[in-house]
Amino acid sequence: MAERLRAMFCDHLSIMRGKYLPASKIRDDETRFCRSTFGVHYDKDLLPAPGSMMLEGLPDMELRWMHDEIRDGWEANTKVVLGDLYDDAGQPLGLCPRGALKRAVAAWGERGLRPKVGIELEAFAFIHDEKGALTPYNSRGAVVYGTGPYTDPLGFNDQIWNMADKLGFRLDMITAEYDTPQFEYTLTFDDAVKAVDDIVMFRQMAREIALQAGVILTFMPKPIPEAGGSGMHINFSFVDETGRNAVAGEKSGGPAHLNDLSKGCISGLLTHHKGLAGLIAPTATSYKRLVPASLSGYWRNWGGDHRNVTTRISTEGGAKARMEHRMADASANPYTAVAAVLQAALLGQDHTDALPPTETGDGFETTDATEGTANDLGAAIADLKADTTLCAAVGDLLTQNHIFMKGQEVEKTADLDDAALRDFYIYYV
């Protein structure tokens, strides 16, 4: 096969869409898609969602990319690239999640700060049994932090690691989680857009490499009811104009050494806690994960080295100082999720009230926090709709589309049992 280009974008459902294009497109270029893709649901139902223009002729939108952002792909003779979406008049498309993240980065840039992001992805592995039914990829002897063939007898994670090295992804780790067969994938901190581009590409690569090994790797938040959930933890900090980590306290890390920038970020995340859930935990199974005593970011709280708080402050200081927001899961579009967290943190910068105390409860049997997220997707979307400040910051058209599509999702999933709910999502996220 001659060399080709696979041009992609990550849509409103966190599904990768794209085209294979000839080698002549391996340059600064563009291609067109139907804008009404933003009205398509998981079950391929086409809906008149805000901005999709389904009832207005289903016009084009344009994906534009830069030659310098084209990279080697994991398929033979195939380069890959992510681009930005524009409407048919050549203006940035308000529905574009990557555009929403770029706006968030630009807003912080106006304050002289450059967001740095590191994302931890958790996923479960499934295989098909001899009858074709999905079943967890379990191995006796697999344990939390397990390594070697007892944890992954097919070795599909070795194949993912080898391809990641070949393509230049900077993996910090692959590790086995508490529940079998769950794994965590973490890439190195980077500038926000680069970090999310990398995690989006890595996630797609990992799913496709796993599929070739006979494994369905899913990043959905709760595919096994009796097991734990899968999150997408968003770690972030900022670099100032001198290159210094701007969230680093004067003496050390942790809650006792917070500067005003960090306090403002925490304040914004607490203020918009309920609204954030509808954007960054956006599927029906998100609310099977997002419950008390689940290490999931349910509670409106914060603390230090405590995995049962939503905003966790690293005890590392200096260049490694950071905040970790633990609510999101990877059924969310990573661009939208990171944009929402950064915008909520920015909205807190002019907040002058003192922060509430750090969480002192253990998070399992005792909790200081009294307010959590909504308990289901419908209520979370109502909370998002009510948080007009957050919606405007992330982008009105994007959030209007999201609210409509997720309202439809509530109806589509209302009567599904656990297996049917899993199968509604598992092949897409």
Protein backbone atom coordinates (compact mmCIF):
# COMPACT_ATOMS: atom_id res chain seq x y z
CA MET A 1 0.00 0.00 0.00
CA ALA A 2 1.21 3.52 -0.80
CA GLU A 3 1.66 5.94 2.10
CA ARG A 4 -1.54 7.60 3.27
CA LEU A 5 -2.84 10.00 5.93
CA ARG A 6 -5.45 9.27 8.58
CA ALA A 7 -6.93 12.63 9.59
CA MET A 8 -9.07 12.56 12.76
CA PHE A 9 -11.00 14.51 15.33
CA CYS A 10 -12.54 13.47 18.66
CA ASP A 11 -16.28 14.17 18.64
CA HIS A 12 -18.96 15.05 21.20
CA LEU A 13 -19.25 11.39 22.28
CA SER A 14 -15.47 10.95 22.62
CA ILE A 15 -15.50 8.83 19.45
CA MET A 16 -12.66 9.26 16.98
CA ARG A 17 -13.90 10.20 13.49
CA GLY A 18 -11.74 10.56 10.43
CA LYS A 19 -10.79 9.70 6.87
CA TYR A 20 -7.99 7.94 5.05
CA LEU A 21 -6.47 10.35 2.54
CA PRO A 22 -3.74 10.09 -0.12
CA ALA A 23 -0.11 10.98 0.50
CA SER A 24 -0.65 14.31 -1.26
CA LYS A 25 -2.49 15.43 1.90
CA ILE A 26 0.63 15.01 4.06
CA ARG A 27 1.11 18.79 4.37
CA ASP A 28 -0.85 21.74 5.76
CA ASP A 29 -4.27 20.83 4.42
CA GLU A 30 -7.95 20.17 5.10
CA THR A 31 -10.83 17.84 4.41
CA ARG A 32 -14.58 18.11 4.89
CA PHE A 33 -17.09 16.17 6.96
CA CYS A 34 -20.82 16.50 7.47
CA ARG A 35 -21.41 18.88 10.36
CA SER A 36 -24.40 16.80 11.44
CA THR A 37 -21.95 14.23 12.77
CA PHE A 38 -22.48 16.26 15.94
CA GLY A 39 -26.06 15.03 15.95
CA VAL A 40 -25.19 11.32 15.73
CA HIS A 41 -25.58 9.18 18.87
CA TYR A 42 -23.90 5.94 19.94
CA ASP A 43 -26.77 3.93 18.44
CA LYS A 44 -26.31 5.89 15.16
CA ASP A 45 -29.54 7.81 15.71
CA LEU A 46 -29.33 11.16 13.87
CA LEU A 47 -30.80 13.94 16.02
CA PRO A 48 -31.40 17.70 15.60
CA ALA A 49 -28.88 18.65 18.29
CA PRO A 50 -27.95 22.34 18.67
CA GLY A 51 -25.26 23.26 16.18
CA SER A 52 -25.57 20.05 14.16
CA MET A 53 -27.76 21.72 11.51
CA MET A 54 -29.50 18.43 10.81
CA LEU A 55 -32.68 20.25 9.78
CA GLU A 56 -30.77 22.97 7.90
CA GLY A 57 -29.36 20.94 5.03
CA LEU A 58 -26.66 18.96 6.87
CA PRO A 59 -23.86 21.28 5.66
CA ASP A 60 -20.13 20.70 5.67
CA MET A 61 -17.60 21.43 8.33
CA GLU A 62 -13.88 21.52 7.63
CA LEU A 63 -11.04 19.76 9.47
CA ARG A 64 -7.75 21.63 9.12
CA TRP A 65 -4.35 20.37 10.21
CA MET A 66 -0.73 21.46 10.18
CA HIS A 67 2.09 19.49 8.55
CA ASP A 68 4.23 19.80 11.69
CA GLU A 69 1.54 17.98 13.71
CA ILE A 70 1.45 14.94 11.41
CA ARG A 71 3.03 11.92 13.08
CA ASP A 72 3.76 8.28 12.40
CA GLY A 73 0.77 6.00 12.89
CA TRP A 74 0.41 2.45 14.15
CA GLU A 75 -0.98 1.11 10.88
CA ALA A 76 1.37 0.23 8.04
CA ASN A 77 2.23 3.11 5.69
CA THR A 78 -0.13 5.43 7.55
CA LYS A 79 0.56 8.85 9.06
CA VAL A 80 -1.93 10.29 11.56
CA VAL A 81 -2.97 13.82 12.46
CA LEU A 82 -5.50 15.66 14.59
CA GLY A 83 -7.00 18.92 13.43
CA ASP A 84 -9.34 21.77 14.29
CA LEU A 85 -12.89 22.10 13.00
CA TYR A 86 -14.26 25.11 11.11
CA ASP A 87 -17.74 25.85 9.80
CA ASP A 88 -18.59 26.21 6.10
CA ALA A 89 -17.89 29.94 6.31
CA GLY A 90 -14.33 29.29 7.50
CA GLN A 91 -14.90 30.31 11.13
CA PRO A 92 -13.81 28.17 14.10
CA LEU A 93 -16.62 25.72 14.87
CA GLY A 94 -18.05 26.25 18.34
CA LEU A 95 -18.74 22.51 18.61
CA CYS A 96 -15.04 21.61 18.32
CA PRO A 97 -13.72 20.16 21.61
CA ARG A 98 -10.10 20.78 20.64
CA GLY A 99 -11.04 24.39 20.00
CA ALA A 100 -12.58 24.58 23.48
CA LEU A 101 -9.29 23.45 25.02
CA LYS A 102 -7.34 25.98 22.96
CA ARG A 103 -9.66 28.73 24.23
CA ALA A 104 -9.03 27.63 27.82
CA VAL A 105 -5.27 27.66 27.24
CA ALA A 106 -5.50 31.12 25.67
CA ALA A 107 -7.54 32.42 28.61
CA TRP A 108 -4.81 31.31 31.03
CA GLY A 109 -2.22 32.74 28.66
CA GLU A 110 -3.77 36.18 29.14
CA ARG A 111 -2.71 35.84 32.78
CA GLY A 112 0.83 34.98 31.76
CA LEU A 113 0.46 31.29 32.56
CA ARG A 114 0.82 28.17 30.42
CA PRO A 115 -1.18 25.11 31.57
CA LYS A 116 0.68 21.82 31.91
CA VAL A 117 -1.36 18.61 32.01
CA GLY A 118 -0.82 14.95 32.80
CA ILE A 119 -3.65 12.44 32.39
CA GLU A 120 -4.08 9.05 34.02
CA LEU A 121 -6.36 6.71 32.06
CA GLU A 122 -7.95 3.59 33.52
CA ALA A 123 -9.45 0.83 31.39
CA PHE A 124 -10.93 -2.66 31.62
CA ALA A 125 -10.11 -5.48 29.23
CA PHE A 126 -12.68 -7.91 27.82
CA ILE A 127 -12.51 -10.85 25.44
CA HIS A 128 -15.16 -12.78 23.54
CA ASP A 129 -15.82 -16.31 24.82
CA GLU A 130 -16.36 -19.34 22.56
CA LYS A 131 -20.00 -18.31 22.09
CA GLY A 132 -19.10 -14.75 21.13
CA ALA A 133 -20.25 -13.20 24.40
CA LEU A 134 -18.17 -10.53 26.10
CA THR A 135 -16.41 -11.67 29.27
CA PRO A 136 -13.74 -10.02 31.44
CA TYR A 137 -10.14 -10.85 30.52
CA ASN A 138 -9.32 -12.41 33.86
CA SER A 139 -6.20 -14.24 34.91
CA ARG A 140 -5.84 -16.12 38.17
CA GLY A 141 -2.98 -14.65 40.09
CA ALA A 142 -3.51 -11.10 38.81
CA VAL A 143 -3.11 -8.54 41.60
CA VAL A 144 -2.99 -4.79 42.03
CA TYR A 145 0.41 -3.55 40.81
CA GLY A 146 0.94 -6.96 39.27
CA THR A 147 3.38 -7.37 36.40
CA GLY A 148 4.22 -10.19 34.05
CA PRO A 149 2.18 -12.98 32.45
CA TYR A 150 -0.07 -13.63 35.45
CA THR A 151 -1.42 -10.11 35.00
CA ASP A 152 -1.53 -10.10 31.19
CA PRO A 153 -1.14 -13.62 29.75
CA LEU A 154 -1.71 -12.46 26.16
CA GLY A 155 0.89 -9.74 26.53
CA PHE A 156 -1.25 -7.13 24.80
CA ASN A 157 0.11 -4.40 27.09
CA ASP A 158 3.64 -5.25 25.92
CA GLN A 159 2.42 -4.71 22.37
CA ILE A 160 0.92 -1.34 23.38
CA TRP A 161 4.18 -0.32 25.09
CA ASN A 162 6.30 -1.35 22.10
CA MET A 163 4.13 0.63 19.71
CA ALA A 164 4.07 3.63 22.07
CA ASP A 165 7.88 3.64 22.11
CA LYS A 166 8.05 3.34 18.34
CA LEU A 167 5.68 6.29 17.88
CA GLY A 168 7.32 8.55 20.46
CA PHE A 169 4.63 8.52 23.16
CA ARG A 170 6.26 9.22 26.53
CA LEU A 171 4.74 6.59 28.78
CA ASP A 172 5.22 7.09 32.50
CA MET A 173 3.76 3.69 33.30
CA ILE A 174 1.36 0.86 32.62
CA THR A 175 0.16 -0.86 35.76
CA ALA A 176 -2.49 -3.32 36.90
CA GLU A 177 -5.24 -1.86 39.07
CA TYR A 178 -7.03 -3.24 42.13
CA ASP A 179 -9.76 -4.96 40.14
CA THR A 180 -8.98 -7.53 37.48
CA PRO A 181 -8.76 -6.97 34.52
CA GLN A 182 -8.19 -3.23 34.93
CA PHE A 183 -5.08 -1.33 33.82
CA GLU A 184 -3.83 2.23 34.13
CA TYR A 185 -1.97 4.13 31.41
CA THR A 186 -0.16 7.39 32.20
CA LEU A 187 1.71 9.72 29.86
CA THR A 188 4.26 12.34 30.88
CA PHE A 189 3.21 15.91 31.71
CA ASP A 190 3.23 18.31 28.77
CA ASP A 191 1.67 21.53 27.50
CA ALA A 192 -2.10 21.11 27.69
CA VAL A 193 -2.98 20.76 24.00
CA LYS A 194 0.01 18.50 23.29
CA ALA A 195 -0.80 16.36 26.34
CA VAL A 196 -4.43 15.87 25.30
CA ASP A 197 -3.51 15.28 21.65
CA ASP A 198 -1.17 12.56 22.89
CA ILE A 199 -3.68 10.92 25.23
CA VAL A 200 -6.39 10.92 22.53
CA MET A 201 -4.03 9.33 20.01
CA PHE A 202 -2.61 6.91 22.59
CA ARG A 203 -6.09 5.81 23.67
CA GLN A 204 -7.08 5.07 20.06
CA MET A 205 -3.82 3.27 19.38
CA ALA A 206 -4.14 1.19 22.56
CA ARG A 207 -7.70 0.13 21.72
CA GLU A 208 -6.73 -0.88 18.18
CA ILE A 209 -3.55 -2.74 19.22
CA ALA A 210 -5.56 -4.58 21.91
CA LEU A 211 -8.26 -5.45 19.37
CA GLN A 212 -5.66 -7.09 17.13
CA ALA A 213 -4.74 -9.27 20.13
CA GLY A 214 -8.40 -10.25 20.61
CA VAL A 215 -9.00 -7.84 23.52
CA ILE A 216 -11.71 -5.20 23.81
CA LEU A 217 -10.05 -2.43 25.82
CA THR A 218 -12.72 -0.09 27.16
CA PHE A 219 -12.32 3.20 28.97
CA MET A 220 -15.98 3.32 29.98
CA PRO A 221 -16.38 4.19 33.67
CA LYS A 222 -18.15 1.09 35.04
CA PRO A 223 -18.31 -1.92 32.71
CA ILE A 224 -18.38 -4.49 35.54
CA PRO A 225 -21.00 -3.66 38.20
CA GLU A 226 -19.27 -5.50 41.03
CA ALA A 227 -15.82 -4.07 40.24
CA GLY A 228 -14.39 -0.60 40.69
CA GLY A 229 -14.69 2.23 38.21
CA SER A 230 -12.32 3.67 35.65
CA GLY A 231 -11.40 7.32 35.92
CA MET A 232 -9.49 9.87 33.87
CA HIS A 233 -7.57 11.80 36.50
CA ILE A 234 -6.52 15.26 35.30
CA ASN A 235 -3.27 16.50 36.85
CA PHE A 236 -2.39 20.09 36.10
CA SER A 237 -0.08 22.95 36.95
CA PHE A 238 1.05 26.16 35.26
CA VAL A 239 4.36 27.56 34.04
CA ASP A 240 4.90 31.31 34.34
CA GLU A 241 6.78 33.55 31.96
CA THR A 242 10.10 32.75 33.66
CA GLY A 243 9.59 28.98 33.21
CA ARG A 244 8.85 28.41 36.89
CA ASN A 245 6.06 26.12 38.12
CA ALA A 246 3.56 28.75 39.21
CA VAL A 247 1.61 26.52 41.64
CA ALA A 248 4.72 25.66 43.68
CA GLY A 249 4.54 26.92 47.25
CA GLU A 250 7.42 28.85 48.73
CA LYS A 251 8.59 26.04 51.01
CA SER A 252 7.15 22.71 49.93
CA GLY A 253 4.12 20.98 48.45
CA GLY A 254 0.79 19.97 49.98
CA PRO A 255 -2.16 21.94 51.39
CA ALA A 256 -0.08 23.78 54.01
CA HIS A 257 1.97 25.58 51.36
CA LEU A 258 -0.61 26.69 48.80
CA ASN A 259 -0.13 29.98 47.00
CA ASP A 260 -2.99 32.23 45.85
CA LEU A 261 -3.04 30.72 42.36
CA SER A 262 -3.60 27.22 43.74
CA LYS A 263 -6.20 28.44 46.21
CA GLY A 264 -8.12 30.11 43.40
CA CYS A 265 -8.04 26.94 41.30
CA ILE A 266 -9.40 24.86 44.17
CA SER A 267 -12.09 27.48 44.86
CA GLY A 268 -13.27 27.38 41.25
CA LEU A 269 -13.36 23.59 41.17
CA LEU A 270 -15.38 23.51 44.39
CA THR A 271 -17.78 26.21 43.17
CA HIS A 272 -18.47 24.40 39.89
CA HIS A 273 -18.31 20.87 41.31
CA LYS A 274 -21.85 19.88 40.39
CA GLY A 275 -21.84 21.52 36.97
CA LEU A 276 -18.55 19.89 36.03
CA ALA A 277 -19.96 16.40 36.50
CA GLY A 278 -22.33 16.71 33.55
CA LEU A 279 -19.41 17.50 31.22
CA ILE A 280 -16.62 15.28 32.54
CA ALA A 281 -18.65 12.28 33.75
CA PRO A 282 -21.11 12.26 30.84
CA THR A 283 -22.58 8.77 30.48
CA ALA A 284 -25.15 6.70 32.35
CA THR A 285 -22.41 4.40 33.64
CA SER A 286 -20.50 7.40 35.00
CA TYR A 287 -22.96 7.51 37.89
CA LYS A 288 -22.37 3.88 38.73
CA ARG A 289 -18.74 4.87 39.30
CA LEU A 290 -19.37 8.33 40.76
CA VAL A 291 -20.70 7.35 44.18
CA PRO A 292 -19.50 7.83 47.78
CA ALA A 293 -16.65 5.66 49.09
CA SER A 294 -15.41 4.91 45.57
CA LEU A 295 -12.25 7.05 45.18
CA SER A 296 -14.05 8.69 42.29
CA GLY A 297 -14.44 12.43 42.85
CA TYR A 298 -18.04 12.28 44.07
CA TRP A 299 -17.67 14.65 47.02
CA ARG A 300 -17.26 18.41 46.87
CA ASN A 301 -14.01 18.35 48.84
CA TRP A 302 -10.25 18.67 48.62
CA GLY A 303 -7.18 17.56 50.50
CA GLY A 304 -3.58 16.46 50.37
CA ASP A 305 -2.35 12.95 49.66
CA HIS A 306 -5.86 11.49 50.02
CA ARG A 307 -7.43 9.38 47.26
CA ASN A 308 -10.97 9.89 48.55
CA VAL A 309 -11.04 13.62 47.79
CA THR A 310 -11.98 15.15 44.44
CA THR A 311 -9.18 17.73 44.25
CA ARG A 312 -5.97 16.18 45.55
CA ILE A 313 -2.93 18.38 46.21
CA SER A 314 0.40 16.70 45.61
CA THR A 315 2.85 16.73 48.49
CA GLU A 316 5.61 17.18 45.91
CA GLY A 317 6.88 20.73 45.72
CA GLY A 318 8.98 22.73 43.30
CA ALA A 319 8.87 21.70 39.65
CA LYS A 320 6.63 18.69 40.45
CA ALA A 321 3.93 20.64 42.31
CA ARG A 322 0.49 19.98 40.85
CA MET A 323 -3.21 19.51 41.49
CA GLU A 324 -5.14 16.38 40.59
CA HIS A 325 -8.84 16.44 39.76
CA ARG A 326 -10.31 12.95 40.12
CA MET A 327 -13.92 13.24 38.91
CA ALA A 328 -13.60 12.75 35.15
CA ASP A 329 -13.82 9.46 33.31
CA ALA A 330 -12.74 8.71 29.75
CA SER A 331 -16.26 8.45 28.37
CA ALA A 332 -15.77 12.24 28.35
CA ASN A 333 -14.01 13.83 25.41
CA PRO A 334 -10.55 14.52 26.92
CA TYR A 335 -10.36 17.95 25.25
CA THR A 336 -13.70 18.97 26.73
CA ALA A 337 -12.86 17.51 30.14
CA VAL A 338 -9.52 19.29 30.44
CA ALA A 339 -11.01 22.52 29.08
CA ALA A 340 -13.79 22.33 31.69
CA VAL A 341 -11.37 21.74 34.58
CA LEU A 342 -9.08 24.57 33.44
CA GLN A 343 -12.00 26.96 32.96
CA ALA A 344 -13.49 26.12 36.36
CA ALA A 345 -10.07 26.69 37.94
CA LEU A 346 -9.79 30.03 36.12
CA LEU A 347 -13.24 31.10 37.31
CA GLY A 348 -12.00 30.73 40.88
CA GLN A 349 -9.09 33.14 40.51
CA ASP A 350 -11.05 36.19 41.64
CA HIS A 351 -12.75 34.34 44.50
CA THR A 352 -11.75 35.92 47.80
CA ASP A 353 -13.55 33.67 50.31
CA ALA A 354 -11.40 31.33 52.40
CA LEU A 355 -11.31 27.73 51.28
CA PRO A 356 -13.22 25.19 53.36
CA PRO A 357 -11.01 22.93 55.50
CA THR A 358 -9.36 19.92 53.92
CA GLU A 359 -11.20 16.61 54.17
CA THR A 360 -10.36 14.74 57.39
CA GLY A 361 -12.71 11.77 56.98
CA ASP A 362 -11.43 8.48 55.61
CA GLY A 363 -13.87 8.66 52.71
CA PHE A 364 -15.19 5.16 53.30
CA GLU A 365 -16.96 5.34 56.66
CA THR A 366 -16.64 9.02 57.50
CA THR A 367 -16.67 12.14 55.31
CA ASP A 368 -16.64 15.81 56.26
CA ALA A 369 -18.12 16.82 52.91
CA THR A 370 -21.90 16.98 52.77
CA GLU A 371 -22.43 17.77 49.08
CA GLY A 372 -21.67 15.48 46.17
CA THR A 373 -22.42 15.26 42.49
CA ALA A 374 -25.81 14.25 41.13
CA ASN A 375 -26.65 10.58 41.41
CA ASP A 376 -27.57 10.02 37.75
CA LEU A 377 -26.88 11.47 34.33
CA GLY A 378 -30.20 13.31 34.03
CA ALA A 379 -29.67 15.23 37.26
CA ALA A 380 -26.03 15.94 36.38
CA ILE A 381 -27.08 17.44 33.05
CA ALA A 382 -29.61 19.60 34.89
CA ASP A 383 -26.80 20.80 37.17
CA LEU A 384 -24.65 21.60 34.15
CA LYS A 385 -27.47 23.52 32.46
CA ALA A 386 -27.96 25.55 35.65
CA ASP A 387 -24.25 26.46 35.77
CA THR A 388 -24.45 29.06 33.03
CA THR A 389 -21.10 30.59 34.00
CA LEU A 390 -19.25 27.34 33.42
CA CYS A 391 -21.18 26.68 30.20
CA ALA A 392 -20.25 30.09 28.82
CA ALA A 393 -16.59 29.60 29.75
CA VAL A 394 -16.36 26.20 28.07
CA GLY A 395 -18.45 27.32 25.10
CA ASP A 396 -22.20 27.87 24.79
CA LEU A 397 -22.71 25.96 21.53
CA LEU A 398 -20.62 22.99 22.67
CA THR A 399 -22.45 22.75 26.00
CA GLN A 400 -25.89 23.22 24.42
CA ASN A 401 -25.15 20.36 22.05
CA HIS A 402 -23.86 18.26 24.94
CA ILE A 403 -26.92 18.93 27.11
CA PHE A 404 -29.28 17.96 24.29
CA MET A 405 -27.42 14.78 23.34
CA LYS A 406 -27.04 13.63 26.91
CA GLY A 407 -30.73 14.28 27.57
CA GLN A 408 -31.45 11.89 24.71
CA GLU A 409 -28.98 9.43 26.23
CA VAL A 410 -30.89 9.41 29.50
CA GLU A 411 -33.96 8.20 27.60
CA LYS A 412 -32.01 5.70 25.49
CA THR A 413 -30.43 4.02 28.51
CA ALA A 414 -33.26 4.25 31.03
CA ASP A 415 -34.53 0.67 30.68
CA LEU A 416 -31.23 -1.12 29.96
CA ASP A 417 -29.96 -3.77 32.37
CA ASP A 418 -26.27 -3.87 33.28
CA ALA A 419 -25.18 -6.03 30.34
CA ALA A 420 -27.19 -4.04 27.80
CA LEU A 421 -25.89 -0.78 29.26
CA ARG A 422 -22.33 -2.04 28.96
CA ASP A 423 -22.89 -3.08 25.35
CA PHE A 424 -24.45 0.30 24.50
CA TYR A 425 -21.07 1.94 25.17
CA ILE A 426 -18.25 -0.61 25.20
CA TYR A 427 -17.30 -0.62 21.51
CA TYR A 428 -17.10 3.18 21.38
CA VAL A 429 -15.33 4.35 24.56
